[in-house]
Amino acid sequence: MEPVFLNKEETAAALGGISLSKLNELIKAGRIFPRVLDGRVMFTPDEVRRFAAECPAWEPS
């Protein structure tokens, strides 16, 4: 069964191992939208997938 929520550490790892400070920057910029559960910042797997799908494709130079 897929988890319902991912915490910040799990989300950062799912996004290729970005840092928690980078994840916080993305939240503040309004690029990824967390939920709050008992005062904890959490993300749905659908939100993580949405964010990843909206990232631009890499183009070799």
N, C-alpha and C. Protein backbone atom coordinates (compact mmCIF):
# COMPACT_ATOMS: atom_id res chain seq x y z
N MET A 1 0.84 -1.18 0.00
CA MET A 1 0.00 0.00 0.00
C MET A 1 0.88 1.24 0.00
N GLU A 2 0.57 2.16 -0.88
CA GLU A 2 1.30 3.43 -0.96
C GLU A 2 0.98 4.28 0.27
N PRO A 3 1.99 4.98 0.82
CA PRO A 3 1.70 5.84 1.97
C PRO A 3 0.75 6.97 1.60
N VAL A 4 -0.04 7.40 2.56
CA VAL A 4 -0.97 8.51 2.35
C VAL A 4 -0.21 9.83 2.41
N PHE A 5 0.75 9.93 3.31
CA PHE A 5 1.56 11.14 3.47
C PHE A 5 3.03 10.79 3.53
N LEU A 6 3.85 11.72 3.06
CA LEU A 6 5.30 11.64 3.19
C LEU A 6 5.75 12.82 4.03
N ASN A 7 6.69 12.59 4.95
CA ASN A 7 7.21 13.73 5.71
C ASN A 7 8.25 14.47 4.86
N LYS A 8 8.82 15.52 5.41
CA LYS A 8 9.77 16.32 4.63
C LYS A 8 10.99 15.50 4.19
N GLU A 9 11.51 14.68 5.08
CA GLU A 9 12.69 13.88 4.74
C GLU A 9 12.37 12.89 3.62
N GLU A 10 11.23 12.23 3.71
CA GLU A 10 10.83 11.27 2.68
C GLU A 10 10.57 11.98 1.35
N THR A 11 9.98 13.16 1.41
CA THR A 11 9.70 13.92 0.19
C THR A 11 11.00 14.36 -0.47
N ALA A 12 11.93 14.87 0.32
CA ALA A 12 13.22 15.29 -0.24
C ALA A 12 13.93 14.10 -0.89
N ALA A 13 13.89 12.95 -0.25
CA ALA A 13 14.50 11.75 -0.82
C ALA A 13 13.81 11.34 -2.12
N ALA A 14 12.48 11.41 -2.14
CA ALA A 14 11.71 11.04 -3.33
C ALA A 14 12.00 11.97 -4.50
N LEU A 15 12.41 13.19 -4.20
CA LEU A 15 12.72 14.17 -5.24
C LEU A 15 14.21 14.14 -5.60
N GLY A 16 14.80 12.98 -5.53
CA GLY A 16 16.18 12.82 -5.96
C GLY A 16 17.20 13.15 -4.89
N GLY A 17 16.77 13.24 -3.65
CA GLY A 17 17.71 13.51 -2.58
C GLY A 17 18.05 14.98 -2.41
N ILE A 18 17.11 15.87 -2.75
CA ILE A 18 17.35 17.29 -2.53
C ILE A 18 17.46 17.55 -1.03
N SER A 19 18.06 18.68 -0.67
CA SER A 19 18.22 19.02 0.74
C SER A 19 16.90 19.52 1.32
N LEU A 20 16.80 19.47 2.64
CA LEU A 20 15.61 20.00 3.30
C LEU A 20 15.51 21.50 3.10
N SER A 21 16.65 22.19 3.03
CA SER A 21 16.59 23.64 2.80
C SER A 21 16.06 23.94 1.40
N LYS A 22 16.41 23.12 0.41
CA LYS A 22 15.87 23.30 -0.94
C LYS A 22 14.37 23.02 -0.95
N LEU A 23 13.94 21.98 -0.23
CA LEU A 23 12.51 21.69 -0.15
C LEU A 23 11.78 22.86 0.49
N ASN A 24 12.34 23.43 1.55
CA ASN A 24 11.72 24.60 2.18
C ASN A 24 11.64 25.78 1.22
N GLU A 25 12.66 25.97 0.39
CA GLU A 25 12.63 27.03 -0.63
C GLU A 25 11.48 26.80 -1.61
N LEU A 26 11.30 25.56 -2.03
CA LEU A 26 10.22 25.24 -2.97
C LEU A 26 8.85 25.49 -2.35
N ILE A 27 8.72 25.20 -1.06
CA ILE A 27 7.46 25.46 -0.36
C ILE A 27 7.20 26.96 -0.32
N LYS A 28 8.21 27.73 0.11
CA LYS A 28 8.05 29.19 0.22
C LYS A 28 7.77 29.84 -1.12
N ALA A 29 8.32 29.27 -2.19
CA ALA A 29 8.09 29.81 -3.54
C ALA A 29 6.73 29.40 -4.10
N GLY A 30 6.02 28.53 -3.40
CA GLY A 30 4.71 28.09 -3.87
C GLY A 30 4.79 27.10 -5.02
N ARG A 31 5.90 26.37 -5.11
CA ARG A 31 6.05 25.41 -6.19
C ARG A 31 5.59 24.01 -5.81
N ILE A 32 5.61 23.71 -4.50
CA ILE A 32 5.11 22.43 -4.00
C ILE A 32 4.28 22.73 -2.76
N PHE A 33 3.17 22.04 -2.62
CA PHE A 33 2.18 22.40 -1.60
C PHE A 33 2.01 21.29 -0.57
N PRO A 34 2.45 21.56 0.66
CA PRO A 34 2.30 20.57 1.72
C PRO A 34 0.93 20.62 2.37
N ARG A 35 0.66 19.62 3.16
CA ARG A 35 -0.51 19.57 4.05
C ARG A 35 0.04 19.63 5.47
N VAL A 36 -0.82 19.92 6.42
CA VAL A 36 -0.40 19.92 7.82
C VAL A 36 -1.23 18.89 8.57
N LEU A 37 -0.56 18.01 9.29
CA LEU A 37 -1.21 16.97 10.08
C LEU A 37 -0.63 17.03 11.49
N ASP A 38 -1.46 17.41 12.45
CA ASP A 38 -1.00 17.55 13.84
C ASP A 38 0.23 18.43 13.94
N GLY A 39 0.26 19.51 13.18
CA GLY A 39 1.37 20.45 13.22
C GLY A 39 2.59 20.02 12.43
N ARG A 40 2.52 18.87 11.78
CA ARG A 40 3.65 18.37 10.97
C ARG A 40 3.40 18.65 9.50
N VAL A 41 4.43 19.08 8.81
CA VAL A 41 4.35 19.34 7.38
C VAL A 41 4.48 18.01 6.65
N MET A 42 3.47 17.71 5.83
CA MET A 42 3.43 16.43 5.12
C MET A 42 3.07 16.70 3.65
N PHE A 43 3.37 15.73 2.80
CA PHE A 43 3.06 15.84 1.37
C PHE A 43 2.35 14.58 0.92
N THR A 44 1.39 14.72 0.03
CA THR A 44 0.76 13.55 -0.56
C THR A 44 1.64 13.05 -1.71
N PRO A 45 1.66 11.76 -1.97
CA PRO A 45 2.40 11.26 -3.12
C PRO A 45 1.93 11.91 -4.43
N ASP A 46 0.63 12.21 -4.54
CA ASP A 46 0.13 12.88 -5.75
C ASP A 46 0.76 14.26 -5.91
N GLU A 47 0.96 14.98 -4.81
CA GLU A 47 1.58 16.30 -4.90
C GLU A 47 3.04 16.19 -5.31
N VAL A 48 3.73 15.19 -4.80
CA VAL A 48 5.13 14.98 -5.19
C VAL A 48 5.20 14.65 -6.68
N ARG A 49 4.30 13.80 -7.16
CA ARG A 49 4.27 13.46 -8.60
C ARG A 49 3.92 14.68 -9.44
N ARG A 50 2.96 15.50 -8.98
CA ARG A 50 2.58 16.71 -9.73
C ARG A 50 3.78 17.63 -9.87
N PHE A 51 4.48 17.86 -8.76
CA PHE A 51 5.65 18.73 -8.81
C PHE A 51 6.70 18.18 -9.78
N ALA A 52 6.99 16.89 -9.68
CA ALA A 52 8.00 16.28 -10.55
C ALA A 52 7.61 16.39 -12.02
N ALA A 53 6.34 16.20 -12.32
CA ALA A 53 5.88 16.28 -13.72
C ALA A 53 6.00 17.69 -14.28
N GLU A 54 5.93 18.70 -13.41
CA GLU A 54 6.02 20.08 -13.87
C GLU A 54 7.45 20.59 -13.98
N CYS A 55 8.42 19.81 -13.53
CA CYS A 55 9.82 20.22 -13.68
C CYS A 55 10.20 20.11 -15.15
N PRO A 56 10.99 21.07 -15.63
CA PRO A 56 11.36 21.03 -17.04
C PRO A 56 12.25 19.83 -17.36
N ALA A 57 12.15 19.37 -18.57
CA ALA A 57 12.99 18.27 -19.04
C ALA A 57 14.42 18.78 -19.23
N TRP A 58 15.38 17.92 -18.96
CA TRP A 58 16.78 18.27 -19.16
C TRP A 58 17.09 18.22 -20.65
N GLU A 59 17.81 19.24 -21.11
CA GLU A 59 18.22 19.28 -22.51
C GLU A 59 19.73 19.39 -22.55
N PRO A 60 20.39 18.45 -23.20
CA PRO A 60 21.86 18.52 -23.27
C PRO A 60 22.30 19.74 -24.06
N SER A 61 23.44 20.27 -23.66
CA SER A 61 23.94 21.46 -24.38
C SER A 61 24.95 21.10 -25.44
